[in-house]
């Protein structure tokens, strides 16, 4: 149970936005994990938590790689989709690094929390 949840948490916090559910089901099938518990871990990242999680992960990734200024100056009155993507391109690497590291940490912590909770419940 703890492994299923931890892998779900890692996948849910990974930077692979839009693929979390599919990846959770694939991981559960590949590693013979409990699908329901894996998806519960995946859905730790949901519409209410995704902005704070990804924002913190991007900030954390910027700190890891030594990036000082992570907020681009944008002329919002003249922004286009192409301009928006160009302005935020420098944040892609911190986003990938930070959210992957946060996902690993959260998975390890959640494994031990769930393991202890299940052990105490069956104790």
PDB file of N, CA and C in Angstrom:
ATOM      1  N   UNK A   1       0.816  -1.190   0.000  1.00  0.00           N
ATOM      2  CA  UNK A   1       0.000   0.000   0.000  1.00  0.00           C
ATOM      3  C   UNK A   1       0.861   1.255   0.000  1.00  0.00           C
ATOM      4  N   UNK A   2       1.887   1.248   0.835  1.00  0.00           N
ATOM      5  CA  UNK A   2       2.755   2.420   0.928  1.00  0.00           C
ATOM      6  C   UNK A   2       3.498   2.653  -0.386  1.00  0.00           C
ATOM      7  N   UNK A   3       3.947   1.589  -1.017  1.00  0.00           N
ATOM      8  CA  UNK A   3       4.647   1.723  -2.295  1.00  0.00           C
ATOM      9  C   UNK A   3       3.703   2.245  -3.367  1.00  0.00           C
ATOM     10  N   UNK A   4       2.490   1.724  -3.407  1.00  0.00           N
ATOM     11  CA  UNK A   4       1.501   2.190  -4.384  1.00  0.00           C
ATOM     12  C   UNK A   4       1.256   3.683  -4.229  1.00  0.00           C
ATOM     13  N   UNK A   5       1.045   4.131  -3.003  1.00  0.00           N
ATOM     14  CA  UNK A   5       0.768   5.541  -2.761  1.00  0.00           C
ATOM     15  C   UNK A   5       1.982   6.406  -3.095  1.00  0.00           C
ATOM     16  N   UNK A   6       3.166   5.972  -2.680  1.00  0.00           N
ATOM     17  CA  UNK A   6       4.388   6.752  -2.918  1.00  0.00           C
ATOM     18  C   UNK A   6       4.663   6.916  -4.408  1.00  0.00           C
ATOM     19  N   UNK A   7       4.496   5.866  -5.177  1.00  0.00           N
ATOM     20  CA  UNK A   7       4.709   5.973  -6.625  1.00  0.00           C
ATOM     21  C   UNK A   7       3.663   6.898  -7.239  1.00  0.00           C
ATOM     22  N   UNK A   8       2.436   6.817  -6.746  1.00  0.00           N
ATOM     23  CA  UNK A   8       1.401   7.732  -7.211  1.00  0.00           C
ATOM     24  C   UNK A   8       1.738   9.178  -6.902  1.00  0.00           C
ATOM     25  N   UNK A   9       2.235   9.438  -5.709  1.00  0.00           N
ATOM     26  CA  UNK A   9       2.621  10.803  -5.331  1.00  0.00           C
ATOM     27  C   UNK A   9       3.738  11.303  -6.242  1.00  0.00           C
ATOM     28  N   UNK A  10       4.737  10.474  -6.484  1.00  0.00           N
ATOM     29  CA  UNK A  10       5.822  10.887  -7.379  1.00  0.00           C
ATOM     30  C   UNK A  10       5.285  11.242  -8.759  1.00  0.00           C
ATOM     31  N   UNK A  11       4.453  10.400  -9.306  1.00  0.00           N
ATOM     32  CA  UNK A  11       3.892  10.654 -10.637  1.00  0.00           C
ATOM     33  C   UNK A  11       3.029  11.918 -10.622  1.00  0.00           C
ATOM     34  N   UNK A  12       2.232  12.075  -9.569  1.00  0.00           N
ATOM     35  CA  UNK A  12       1.371  13.251  -9.474  1.00  0.00           C
ATOM     36  C   UNK A  12       2.128  14.558  -9.391  1.00  0.00           C
ATOM     37  N   UNK A  13       3.299  14.534  -8.784  1.00  0.00           N
ATOM     38  CA  UNK A  13       4.094  15.759  -8.651  1.00  0.00           C
ATOM     39  C   UNK A  13       5.120  15.910  -9.770  1.00  0.00           C
ATOM     40  N   UNK A  14       5.182  14.943 -10.637  1.00  0.00           N
ATOM     41  CA  UNK A  14       6.130  15.029 -11.745  1.00  0.00           C
ATOM     42  C   UNK A  14       5.702  16.132 -12.708  1.00  0.00           C
ATOM     43  N   UNK A  15       6.641  16.628 -13.483  1.00  0.00           N
ATOM     44  CA  UNK A  15       6.321  17.710 -14.421  1.00  0.00           C
ATOM     45  C   UNK A  15       5.602  17.241 -15.684  1.00  0.00           C
ATOM     46  N   UNK A  16       5.139  16.025 -15.720  1.00  0.00           N
ATOM     47  CA  UNK A  16       4.475  15.486 -16.905  1.00  0.00           C
ATOM     48  C   UNK A  16       2.977  15.784 -16.866  1.00  0.00           C
ATOM     49  N   UNK A  17       2.668  17.051 -16.825  1.00  0.00           N
ATOM     50  CA  UNK A  17       1.307  17.547 -16.704  1.00  0.00           C
ATOM     51  C   UNK A  17       0.408  16.985 -17.802  1.00  0.00           C
ATOM     52  N   UNK A  18      -0.729  16.470 -17.399  1.00  0.00           N
ATOM     53  CA  UNK A  18      -1.682  15.918 -18.343  1.00  0.00           C
ATOM     54  C   UNK A  18      -1.563  14.417 -18.536  1.00  0.00           C
ATOM     55  N   UNK A  19      -0.494  13.836 -18.038  1.00  0.00           N
ATOM     56  CA  UNK A  19      -0.277  12.395 -18.197  1.00  0.00           C
ATOM     57  C   UNK A  19      -0.336  11.640 -16.878  1.00  0.00           C
ATOM     58  N   UNK A  20      -0.624  12.329 -15.801  1.00  0.00           N
ATOM     59  CA  UNK A  20      -0.542  11.722 -14.465  1.00  0.00           C
ATOM     60  C   UNK A  20      -1.418  10.483 -14.310  1.00  0.00           C
ATOM     61  N   UNK A  21      -2.680  10.568 -14.686  1.00  0.00           N
ATOM     62  CA  UNK A  21      -3.581   9.429 -14.506  1.00  0.00           C
ATOM     63  C   UNK A  21      -3.125   8.235 -15.328  1.00  0.00           C
ATOM     64  N   UNK A  22      -2.818   8.477 -16.588  1.00  0.00           N
ATOM     65  CA  UNK A  22      -2.372   7.390 -17.477  1.00  0.00           C
ATOM     66  C   UNK A  22      -1.081   6.768 -16.952  1.00  0.00           C
ATOM     67  N   UNK A  23      -0.120   7.608 -16.552  1.00  0.00           N
ATOM     68  CA  UNK A  23       1.143   7.086 -16.023  1.00  0.00           C
ATOM     69  C   UNK A  23       0.938   6.328 -14.718  1.00  0.00           C
ATOM     70  N   UNK A  24       0.024   6.797 -13.877  1.00  0.00           N
ATOM     71  CA  UNK A  24      -0.281   6.086 -12.635  1.00  0.00           C
ATOM     72  C   UNK A  24      -0.843   4.699 -12.906  1.00  0.00           C
ATOM     73  N   UNK A  25      -1.753   4.617 -13.857  1.00  0.00           N
ATOM     74  CA  UNK A  25      -2.330   3.306 -14.207  1.00  0.00           C
ATOM     75  C   UNK A  25      -1.287   2.387 -14.838  1.00  0.00           C
ATOM     76  N   UNK A  26      -0.432   2.941 -15.688  1.00  0.00           N
ATOM     77  CA  UNK A  26       0.632   2.134 -16.306  1.00  0.00           C
ATOM     78  C   UNK A  26       1.603   1.636 -15.233  1.00  0.00           C
ATOM     79  N   UNK A  27       2.007   2.509 -14.325  1.00  0.00           N
ATOM     80  CA  UNK A  27       2.933   2.104 -13.254  1.00  0.00           C
ATOM     81  C   UNK A  27       2.295   1.040 -12.371  1.00  0.00           C
ATOM     82  N   UNK A  28       1.018   1.213 -12.050  1.00  0.00           N
ATOM     83  CA  UNK A  28       0.325   0.222 -11.221  1.00  0.00           C
ATOM     84  C   UNK A  28       0.284  -1.134 -11.928  1.00  0.00           C
ATOM     85  N   UNK A  29       0.039  -1.118 -13.212  1.00  0.00           N
ATOM     86  CA  UNK A  29      -0.004  -2.360 -13.971  1.00  0.00           C
ATOM     87  C   UNK A  29       1.391  -2.988 -14.077  1.00  0.00           C
ATOM     88  N   UNK A  30       2.397  -2.162 -14.414  1.00  0.00           N
ATOM     89  CA  UNK A  30       3.755  -2.688 -14.587  1.00  0.00           C
ATOM     90  C   UNK A  30       4.326  -3.291 -13.300  1.00  0.00           C
ATOM     91  N   UNK A  31       4.114  -2.596 -12.177  1.00  0.00           N
ATOM     92  CA  UNK A  31       4.703  -3.024 -10.910  1.00  0.00           C
ATOM     93  C   UNK A  31       3.727  -3.801 -10.026  1.00  0.00           C
ATOM     94  N   UNK A  32       2.569  -4.131 -10.587  1.00  0.00           N
ATOM     95  CA  UNK A  32       1.533  -4.892  -9.873  1.00  0.00           C
ATOM     96  C   UNK A  32       1.161  -4.222  -8.543  1.00  0.00           C
ATOM     97  N   UNK A  33       0.867  -2.926  -8.648  1.00  0.00           N
ATOM     98  CA  UNK A  33       0.486  -2.141  -7.481  1.00  0.00           C
ATOM     99  C   UNK A  33      -1.032  -2.017  -7.422  1.00  0.00           C
ATOM    100  N   UNK A  34      -1.522  -1.583  -6.289  1.00  0.00           N
ATOM    101  CA  UNK A  34      -2.941  -1.329  -6.134  1.00  0.00           C
ATOM    102  C   UNK A  34      -3.297  -0.076  -6.936  1.00  0.00           C
ATOM    103  N   UNK A  35      -4.153  -0.228  -7.943  1.00  0.00           N
ATOM    104  CA  UNK A  35      -4.489   0.897  -8.830  1.00  0.00           C
ATOM    105  C   UNK A  35      -5.185   2.024  -8.086  1.00  0.00           C
ATOM    106  N   UNK A  36      -6.101   1.703  -7.215  1.00  0.00           N
ATOM    107  CA  UNK A  36      -6.853   2.724  -6.492  1.00  0.00           C
ATOM    108  C   UNK A  36      -5.931   3.555  -5.591  1.00  0.00           C
ATOM    109  N   UNK A  37      -5.051   2.877  -4.869  1.00  0.00           N
ATOM    110  CA  UNK A  37      -4.132   3.586  -3.974  1.00  0.00           C
ATOM    111  C   UNK A  37      -3.113   4.398  -4.784  1.00  0.00           C
ATOM    112  N   UNK A  38      -2.652   3.853  -5.900  1.00  0.00           N
ATOM    113  CA  UNK A  38      -1.729   4.598  -6.762  1.00  0.00           C
ATOM    114  C   UNK A  38      -2.399   5.864  -7.275  1.00  0.00           C
ATOM    115  N   UNK A  39      -3.642   5.756  -7.730  1.00  0.00           N
ATOM    116  CA  UNK A  39      -4.354   6.936  -8.218  1.00  0.00           C
ATOM    117  C   UNK A  39      -4.640   7.930  -7.100  1.00  0.00           C
ATOM    118  N   UNK A  40      -4.871   7.438  -5.884  1.00  0.00           N
ATOM    119  CA  UNK A  40      -5.044   8.358  -4.750  1.00  0.00           C
ATOM    120  C   UNK A  40      -3.777   9.194  -4.564  1.00  0.00           C
ATOM    121  N   UNK A  41      -2.624   8.572  -4.711  1.00  0.00           N
ATOM    122  CA  UNK A  41      -1.362   9.303  -4.626  1.00  0.00           C
ATOM    123  C   UNK A  41      -1.193  10.282  -5.775  1.00  0.00           C
ATOM    124  N   UNK A  42      -1.575   9.849  -6.981  1.00  0.00           N
ATOM    125  CA  UNK A  42      -1.492  10.730  -8.150  1.00  0.00           C
ATOM    126  C   UNK A  42      -2.331  11.985  -7.928  1.00  0.00           C
ATOM    127  N   UNK A  43      -3.509  11.808  -7.340  1.00  0.00           N
ATOM    128  CA  UNK A  43      -4.436  12.937  -7.200  1.00  0.00           C
ATOM    129  C   UNK A  43      -4.153  13.828  -6.005  1.00  0.00           C
ATOM    130  N   UNK A  44      -2.995  13.654  -5.370  1.00  0.00           N
ATOM    131  CA  UNK A  44      -2.535  14.651  -4.404  1.00  0.00           C
ATOM    132  C   UNK A  44      -2.361  15.977  -5.158  1.00  0.00           C
ATOM    133  N   UNK A  45      -1.934  15.856  -6.418  1.00  0.00           N
ATOM    134  CA  UNK A  45      -1.870  17.018  -7.298  1.00  0.00           C
ATOM    135  C   UNK A  45      -3.190  17.061  -8.047  1.00  0.00           C
ATOM    136  N   UNK A  46      -3.986  18.075  -7.766  1.00  0.00           N
ATOM    137  CA  UNK A  46      -5.310  18.215  -8.361  1.00  0.00           C
ATOM    138  C   UNK A  46      -5.534  19.690  -8.700  1.00  0.00           C
ATOM    139  N   UNK A  47      -6.680  20.058  -9.242  1.00  0.00           N
ATOM    140  CA  UNK A  47      -6.877  21.472  -9.612  1.00  0.00           C
ATOM    141  C   UNK A  47      -6.674  22.469  -8.471  1.00  0.00           C
ATOM    142  N   UNK A  48      -6.849  22.056  -7.236  1.00  0.00           N
ATOM    143  CA  UNK A  48      -6.684  22.965  -6.100  1.00  0.00           C
ATOM    144  C   UNK A  48      -5.236  23.055  -5.624  1.00  0.00           C
ATOM    145  N   UNK A  49      -4.459  22.031  -5.876  1.00  0.00           N
ATOM    146  CA  UNK A  49      -3.083  22.019  -5.365  1.00  0.00           C
ATOM    147  C   UNK A  49      -2.017  22.198  -6.433  1.00  0.00           C
ATOM    148  N   UNK A  50      -2.384  22.107  -7.696  1.00  0.00           N
ATOM    149  CA  UNK A  50      -1.375  22.096  -8.753  1.00  0.00           C
ATOM    150  C   UNK A  50      -0.607  23.419  -8.855  1.00  0.00           C
ATOM    151  N   UNK A  51      -1.281  24.543  -8.702  1.00  0.00           N
ATOM    152  CA  UNK A  51      -0.583  25.833  -8.827  1.00  0.00           C
ATOM    153  C   UNK A  51       0.446  26.002  -7.709  1.00  0.00           C
ATOM    154  N   UNK A  52       0.070  25.786  -6.424  1.00  0.00           N
ATOM    155  CA  UNK A  52       1.111  25.927  -5.392  1.00  0.00           C
ATOM    156  C   UNK A  52       2.240  24.902  -5.528  1.00  0.00           C
ATOM    157  N   UNK A  53       1.908  23.673  -5.879  1.00  0.00           N
ATOM    158  CA  UNK A  53       2.942  22.638  -6.009  1.00  0.00           C
ATOM    159  C   UNK A  53       3.905  22.985  -7.138  1.00  0.00           C
ATOM    160  N   UNK A  54       3.382  23.296  -8.315  1.00  0.00           N
ATOM    161  CA  UNK A  54       4.242  23.589  -9.453  1.00  0.00           C
ATOM    162  C   UNK A  54       4.981  24.914  -9.289  1.00  0.00           C
ATOM    163  N   UNK A  55       4.355  25.885  -8.643  1.00  0.00           N
ATOM    164  CA  UNK A  55       5.045  27.162  -8.399  1.00  0.00           C
ATOM    165  C   UNK A  55       6.222  26.955  -7.451  1.00  0.00           C
ATOM    166  N   UNK A  56       5.978  26.236  -6.355  1.00  0.00           N
ATOM    167  CA  UNK A  56       7.057  25.962  -5.415  1.00  0.00           C
ATOM    168  C   UNK A  56       8.145  25.127  -6.081  1.00  0.00           C
ATOM    169  N   UNK A  57       7.748  24.118  -6.860  1.00  0.00           N
ATOM    170  CA  UNK A  57       8.730  23.284  -7.550  1.00  0.00           C
ATOM    171  C   UNK A  57       9.594  24.076  -8.511  1.00  0.00           C
ATOM    172  N   UNK A  58       8.990  25.026  -9.226  1.00  0.00           N
ATOM    173  CA  UNK A  58       9.748  25.862 -10.153  1.00  0.00           C
ATOM    174  C   UNK A  58      10.710  26.766  -9.387  1.00  0.00           C
ATOM    175  N   UNK A  59      10.227  27.373  -8.309  1.00  0.00           N
ATOM    176  CA  UNK A  59      11.096  28.208  -7.471  1.00  0.00           C
ATOM    177  C   UNK A  59      12.253  27.377  -6.913  1.00  0.00           C
ATOM    178  N   UNK A  60      11.934  26.168  -6.418  1.00  0.00           N
ATOM    179  CA  UNK A  60      12.947  25.283  -5.850  1.00  0.00           C
ATOM    180  C   UNK A  60      13.971  24.887  -6.914  1.00  0.00           C
ATOM    181  N   UNK A  61      13.490  24.564  -8.110  1.00  0.00           N
ATOM    182  CA  UNK A  61      14.396  24.227  -9.211  1.00  0.00           C
ATOM    183  C   UNK A  61      15.310  25.384  -9.570  1.00  0.00           C
ATOM    184  N   UNK A  62      14.770  26.596  -9.538  1.00  0.00           N
ATOM    185  CA  UNK A  62      15.592  27.780  -9.809  1.00  0.00           C
ATOM    186  C   UNK A  62      16.672  27.937  -8.744  1.00  0.00           C
ATOM    187  N   UNK A  63      16.334  27.657  -7.500  1.00  0.00           N
ATOM    188  CA  UNK A  63      17.324  27.728  -6.415  1.00  0.00           C
ATOM    189  C   UNK A  63      18.391  26.654  -6.609  1.00  0.00           C
ATOM    190  N   UNK A  64      17.993  25.456  -7.021  1.00  0.00           N
ATOM    191  CA  UNK A  64      18.945  24.357  -7.219  1.00  0.00           C
ATOM    192  C   UNK A  64      19.980  24.722  -8.277  1.00  0.00           C
ATOM    193  N   UNK A  65      19.541  25.325  -9.372  1.00  0.00           N
ATOM    194  CA  UNK A  65      20.477  25.632 -10.465  1.00  0.00           C
ATOM    195  C   UNK A  65      21.110  27.016 -10.327  1.00  0.00           C
ATOM    196  N   UNK A  66      20.759  27.737  -9.255  1.00  0.00           N
ATOM    197  CA  UNK A  66      21.383  29.026  -8.997  1.00  0.00           C
ATOM    198  C   UNK A  66      20.797  30.181  -9.782  1.00  0.00           C
ATOM    199  N   UNK A  67      19.576  30.039 -10.239  1.00  0.00           N
ATOM    200  CA  UNK A  67      18.910  31.097 -10.988  1.00  0.00           C
ATOM    201  C   UNK A  67      18.346  32.122 -10.008  1.00  0.00           C
ATOM    202  N   UNK A  68      18.702  33.387 -10.182  1.00  0.00           N
ATOM    203  CA  UNK A  68      18.271  34.420  -9.240  1.00  0.00           C
ATOM    204  C   UNK A  68      16.920  35.032  -9.592  1.00  0.00           C
ATOM    205  N   UNK A  69      16.755  35.461 -10.812  1.00  0.00           N
ATOM    206  CA  UNK A  69      15.540  36.157 -11.208  1.00  0.00           C
ATOM    207  C   UNK A  69      14.633  35.202 -11.977  1.00  0.00           C
ATOM    208  N   UNK A  70      13.557  34.758 -11.356  1.00  0.00           N
ATOM    209  CA  UNK A  70      12.686  33.808 -12.042  1.00  0.00           C
ATOM    210  C   UNK A  70      11.392  34.437 -12.530  1.00  0.00           C
ATOM    211  N   UNK A  71      11.141  35.696 -12.210  1.00  0.00           N
ATOM    212  CA  UNK A  71       9.913  36.351 -12.646  1.00  0.00           C
ATOM    213  C   UNK A  71      10.239  37.257 -13.831  1.00  0.00           C
ATOM    214  N   UNK A  72       9.809  36.844 -15.051  1.00  0.00           N
ATOM    215  CA  UNK A  72      10.111  37.668 -16.219  1.00  0.00           C
ATOM    216  C   UNK A  72       9.254  38.939 -16.229  1.00  0.00           C
ATOM    217  N   UNK A  73       9.785  39.983 -16.853  1.00  0.00           N
ATOM    218  CA  UNK A  73       9.025  41.230 -17.025  1.00  0.00           C
ATOM    219  C   UNK A  73       8.234  41.088 -18.326  1.00  0.00           C
ATOM    220  N   UNK A  74       6.921  41.161 -18.199  1.00  0.00           N
ATOM    221  CA  UNK A  74       6.050  40.948 -19.352  1.00  0.00           C
ATOM    222  C   UNK A  74       5.205  42.199 -19.581  1.00  0.00           C
ATOM    223  N   UNK A  75       5.152  42.647 -20.821  1.00  0.00           N
ATOM    224  CA  UNK A  75       4.263  43.742 -21.195  1.00  0.00           C
ATOM    225  C   UNK A  75       2.899  43.120 -21.490  1.00  0.00           C
ATOM    226  N   UNK A  76       2.074  42.982 -20.470  1.00  0.00           N
ATOM    227  CA  UNK A  76       0.811  42.253 -20.573  1.00  0.00           C
ATOM    228  C   UNK A  76      -0.143  42.825 -21.620  1.00  0.00           C
ATOM    229  N   UNK A  77      -0.056  44.109 -21.886  1.00  0.00           N
ATOM    230  CA  UNK A  77      -0.968  44.711 -22.861  1.00  0.00           C
ATOM    231  C   UNK A  77      -0.625  44.310 -24.302  1.00  0.00           C
ATOM    232  N   UNK A  78       0.572  43.800 -24.528  1.00  0.00           N
ATOM    233  CA  UNK A  78       0.997  43.411 -25.871  1.00  0.00           C
ATOM    234  C   UNK A  78       1.371  41.927 -25.963  1.00  0.00           C
ATOM    235  N   UNK A  79       0.904  41.139 -25.045  1.00  0.00           N
ATOM    236  CA  UNK A  79       1.339  39.737 -25.001  1.00  0.00           C
ATOM    237  C   UNK A  79       0.580  38.893 -26.032  1.00  0.00           C
ATOM    238  N   UNK A  80       1.305  37.992 -26.634  1.00  0.00           N
ATOM    239  CA  UNK A  80       0.721  36.987 -27.522  1.00  0.00           C
ATOM    240  C   UNK A  80       1.099  35.625 -26.952  1.00  0.00           C
ATOM    241  N   UNK A  81       0.484  34.571 -27.459  1.00  0.00           N
ATOM    242  CA  UNK A  81       0.827  33.235 -26.969  1.00  0.00           C
ATOM    243  C   UNK A  81       2.298  32.938 -27.219  1.00  0.00           C
ATOM    244  N   UNK A  82       2.789  33.284 -28.403  1.00  0.00           N
ATOM    245  CA  UNK A  82       4.201  33.072 -28.718  1.00  0.00           C
ATOM    246  C   UNK A  82       5.110  33.862 -27.796  1.00  0.00           C
ATOM    247  N   UNK A  83       4.743  35.099 -27.522  1.00  0.00           N
ATOM    248  CA  UNK A  83       5.523  35.935 -26.616  1.00  0.00           C
ATOM    249  C   UNK A  83       5.500  35.398 -25.199  1.00  0.00           C
ATOM    250  N   UNK A  84       4.342  34.910 -24.777  1.00  0.00           N
ATOM    251  CA  UNK A  84       4.207  34.326 -23.441  1.00  0.00           C
ATOM    252  C   UNK A  84       5.119  33.108 -23.305  1.00  0.00           C
ATOM    253  N   UNK A  85       5.076  32.224 -24.285  1.00  0.00           N
ATOM    254  CA  UNK A  85       5.920  31.025 -24.244  1.00  0.00           C
ATOM    255  C   UNK A  85       7.406  31.390 -24.290  1.00  0.00           C
ATOM    256  N   UNK A  86       7.754  32.387 -25.064  1.00  0.00           N
ATOM    257  CA  UNK A  86       9.148  32.834 -25.150  1.00  0.00           C
ATOM    258  C   UNK A  86       9.635  33.397 -23.811  1.00  0.00           C
ATOM    259  N   UNK A  87       8.777  34.156 -23.134  1.00  0.00           N
ATOM    260  CA  UNK A  87       9.143  34.760 -21.849  1.00  0.00           C
ATOM    261  C   UNK A  87       9.332  33.709 -20.759  1.00  0.00           C
ATOM    262  N   UNK A  88       8.543  32.647 -20.809  1.00  0.00           N
ATOM    263  CA  UNK A  88       8.608  31.633 -19.759  1.00  0.00           C
ATOM    264  C   UNK A  88       9.507  30.443 -20.099  1.00  0.00           C
ATOM    265  N   UNK A  89      10.090  30.431 -21.276  1.00  0.00           N
ATOM    266  CA  UNK A  89      11.002  29.348 -21.669  1.00  0.00           C
ATOM    267  C   UNK A  89      12.148  29.145 -20.680  1.00  0.00           C
ATOM    268  N   UNK A  90      12.754  30.232 -20.136  1.00  0.00           N
ATOM    269  CA  UNK A  90      13.851  30.036 -19.175  1.00  0.00           C
ATOM    270  C   UNK A  90      13.411  29.309 -17.897  1.00  0.00           C
ATOM    271  N   UNK A  91      12.117  29.233 -17.635  1.00  0.00           N
ATOM    272  CA  UNK A  91      11.645  28.544 -16.432  1.00  0.00           C
ATOM    273  C   UNK A  91      11.401  27.058 -16.654  1.00  0.00           C
ATOM    274  N   UNK A  92      11.521  26.581 -17.892  1.00  0.00           N
ATOM    275  CA  UNK A  92      11.250  25.173 -18.178  1.00  0.00           C
ATOM    276  C   UNK A  92      12.207  24.241 -17.429  1.00  0.00           C
ATOM    277  N   UNK A  93      13.503  24.517 -17.481  1.00  0.00           N
ATOM    278  CA  UNK A  93      14.468  23.651 -16.797  1.00  0.00           C
ATOM    279  C   UNK A  93      14.272  23.674 -15.280  1.00  0.00           C
ATOM    280  N   UNK A  94      14.124  24.857 -14.649  1.00  0.00           N
ATOM    281  CA  UNK A  94      13.839  24.848 -13.208  1.00  0.00           C
ATOM    282  C   UNK A  94      12.543  24.121 -12.872  1.00  0.00           C
ATOM    283  N   UNK A  95      11.536  24.232 -13.723  1.00  0.00           N
ATOM    284  CA  UNK A  95      10.264  23.526 -13.535  1.00  0.00           C
ATOM    285  C   UNK A  95      10.492  22.018 -13.537  1.00  0.00           C
ATOM    286  N   UNK A  96      11.231  21.533 -14.526  1.00  0.00           N
ATOM    287  CA  UNK A  96      11.492  20.092 -14.629  1.00  0.00           C
ATOM    288  C   UNK A  96      12.318  19.579 -13.451  1.00  0.00           C
ATOM    289  N   UNK A  97      13.416  20.271 -13.147  1.00  0.00           N
ATOM    290  CA  UNK A  97      14.308  19.844 -12.069  1.00  0.00           C
ATOM    291  C   UNK A  97      13.613  19.930 -10.719  1.00  0.00           C
ATOM    292  N   UNK A  98      13.038  21.078 -10.415  1.00  0.00           N
ATOM    293  CA  UNK A  98      12.427  21.307  -9.107  1.00  0.00           C
ATOM    294  C   UNK A  98      11.281  20.373  -8.811  1.00  0.00           C
ATOM    295  N   UNK A  99      10.386  20.177  -9.771  1.00  0.00           N
ATOM    296  CA  UNK A  99       9.235  19.319  -9.519  1.00  0.00           C
ATOM    297  C   UNK A  99       9.619  17.844  -9.475  1.00  0.00           C
ATOM    298  N   UNK A 100      10.655  17.454 -10.183  1.00  0.00           N
ATOM    299  CA  UNK A 100      11.134  16.071 -10.080  1.00  0.00           C
ATOM    300  C   UNK A 100      11.729  15.823  -8.697  1.00  0.00           C
ATOM    301  N   UNK A 101      12.557  16.746  -8.219  1.00  0.00           N
ATOM    302  CA  UNK A 101      13.168  16.595  -6.887  1.00  0.00           C
ATOM    303  C   UNK A 101      12.091  16.619  -5.801  1.00  0.00           C
ATOM    304  N   UNK A 102      11.151  17.553  -5.895  1.00  0.00           N
ATOM    305  CA  UNK A 102      10.061  17.626  -4.919  1.00  0.00           C
ATOM    306  C   UNK A 102       9.231  16.344  -4.965  1.00  0.00           C
ATOM    307  N   UNK A 103       9.015  15.799  -6.158  1.00  0.00           N
ATOM    308  CA  UNK A 103       8.277  14.543  -6.293  1.00  0.00           C
ATOM    309  C   UNK A 103       8.975  13.382  -5.602  1.00  0.00           C
ATOM    310  N   UNK A 104      10.287  13.310  -5.743  1.00  0.00           N
ATOM    311  CA  UNK A 104      11.054  12.239  -5.086  1.00  0.00           C
ATOM    312  C   UNK A 104      10.964  12.389  -3.564  1.00  0.00           C
ATOM    313  N   UNK A 105      11.169  13.606  -3.081  1.00  0.00           N
ATOM    314  CA  UNK A 105      11.105  13.839  -1.628  1.00  0.00           C
ATOM    315  C   UNK A 105       9.712  13.508  -1.093  1.00  0.00           C
ATOM    316  N   UNK A 106       8.679  13.989  -1.779  1.00  0.00           N
ATOM    317  CA  UNK A 106       7.307  13.734  -1.333  1.00  0.00           C
ATOM    318  C   UNK A 106       6.977  12.244  -1.370  1.00  0.00           C
ATOM    319  N   UNK A 107       7.491  11.523  -2.367  1.00  0.00           N
ATOM    320  CA  UNK A 107       7.247  10.089  -2.457  1.00  0.00           C
ATOM    321  C   UNK A 107       7.893   9.337  -1.297  1.00  0.00           C
ATOM    322  N   UNK A 108       9.117   9.690  -0.970  1.00  0.00           N
ATOM    323  CA  UNK A 108       9.816   9.028   0.140  1.00  0.00           C
ATOM    324  C   UNK A 108       9.094   9.310   1.453  1.00  0.00           C
ATOM    325  N   UNK A 109       8.753  10.563   1.692  1.00  0.00           N
ATOM    326  CA  UNK A 109       8.046  10.924   2.929  1.00  0.00           C
ATOM    327  C   UNK A 109       6.690  10.226   2.995  1.00  0.00           C
ATOM    328  N   UNK A 110       5.950  10.254   1.893  1.00  0.00           N
ATOM    329  CA  UNK A 110       4.616   9.626   1.906  1.00  0.00           C
ATOM    330  C   UNK A 110       4.708   8.115   2.104  1.00  0.00           C
ATOM    331  N   UNK A 111       5.764   7.490   1.573  1.00  0.00           N
ATOM    332  CA  UNK A 111       5.940   6.050   1.791  1.00  0.00           C
ATOM    333  C   UNK A 111       6.005   5.744   3.285  1.00  0.00           C
ATOM    334  N   UNK A 112       6.861   6.459   3.998  1.00  0.00           N
ATOM    335  CA  UNK A 112       7.025   6.183   5.425  1.00  0.00           C
ATOM    336  C   UNK A 112       5.783   6.551   6.235  1.00  0.00           C
ATOM    337  N   UNK A 113       5.100   7.617   5.856  1.00  0.00           N
ATOM    338  CA  UNK A 113       3.869   8.002   6.559  1.00  0.00           C
ATOM    339  C   UNK A 113       2.793   6.942   6.373  1.00  0.00           C
ATOM    340  N   UNK A 114       2.579   6.498   5.154  1.00  0.00           N
ATOM    341  CA  UNK A 114       1.556   5.483   4.885  1.00  0.00           C
ATOM    342  C   UNK A 114       1.958   4.149   5.493  1.00  0.00           C
ATOM    343  N   UNK A 115       3.220   3.794   5.385  1.00  0.00           N
ATOM    344  CA  UNK A 115       3.689   2.533   5.965  1.00  0.00           C
ATOM    345  C   UNK A 115       3.411   2.500   7.465  1.00  0.00           C
ATOM    346  N   UNK A 116       3.768   3.583   8.150  1.00  0.00           N
ATOM    347  CA  UNK A 116       3.549   3.655   9.589  1.00  0.00           C
ATOM    348  C   UNK A 116       2.068   3.649   9.940  1.00  0.00           C
ATOM    349  N   UNK A 117       1.269   4.370   9.164  1.00  0.00           N
ATOM    350  CA  UNK A 117      -0.167   4.413   9.413  1.00  0.00           C
ATOM    351  C   UNK A 117      -0.811   3.036   9.244  1.00  0.00           C
ATOM    352  N   UNK A 118      -0.435   2.330   8.197  1.00  0.00           N
ATOM    353  CA  UNK A 118      -0.992   0.999   7.960  1.00  0.00           C
ATOM    354  C   UNK A 118      -0.515   0.028   9.034  1.00  0.00           C
ATOM    355  N   UNK A 119       0.756   0.132   9.388  1.00  0.00           N
ATOM    356  CA  UNK A 119       1.307  -0.750  10.425  1.00  0.00           C
ATOM    357  C   UNK A 119       0.590  -0.512  11.768  1.00  0.00           C
ATOM    358  N   UNK A 120       0.382   0.765  12.121  1.00  0.00           N
ATOM    359  CA  UNK A 120      -0.336   1.079  13.377  1.00  0.00           C
ATOM    360  C   UNK A 120      -1.779   0.617  13.326  1.00  0.00           C
ATOM    361  N   UNK A 121      -2.409   0.726  12.180  1.00  0.00           N
ATOM    362  CA  UNK A 121      -3.805   0.311  12.051  1.00  0.00           C
ATOM    363  C   UNK A 121      -3.948  -1.198  12.225  1.00  0.00           C
ATOM    364  N   UNK A 122      -3.025  -1.939  11.633  1.00  0.00           N
ATOM    365  CA  UNK A 122      -3.065  -3.406  11.736  1.00  0.00           C
ATOM    366  C   UNK A 122      -2.375  -3.925  12.984  1.00  0.00           C
ATOM    367  N   UNK A 123      -1.680  -3.005  13.689  1.00  0.00           N
ATOM    368  CA  UNK A 123      -0.859  -3.268  14.843  1.00  0.00           C
ATOM    369  C   UNK A 123      -1.346  -4.201  15.821  1.00  0.00           C
TER     370      UNK A 123
END
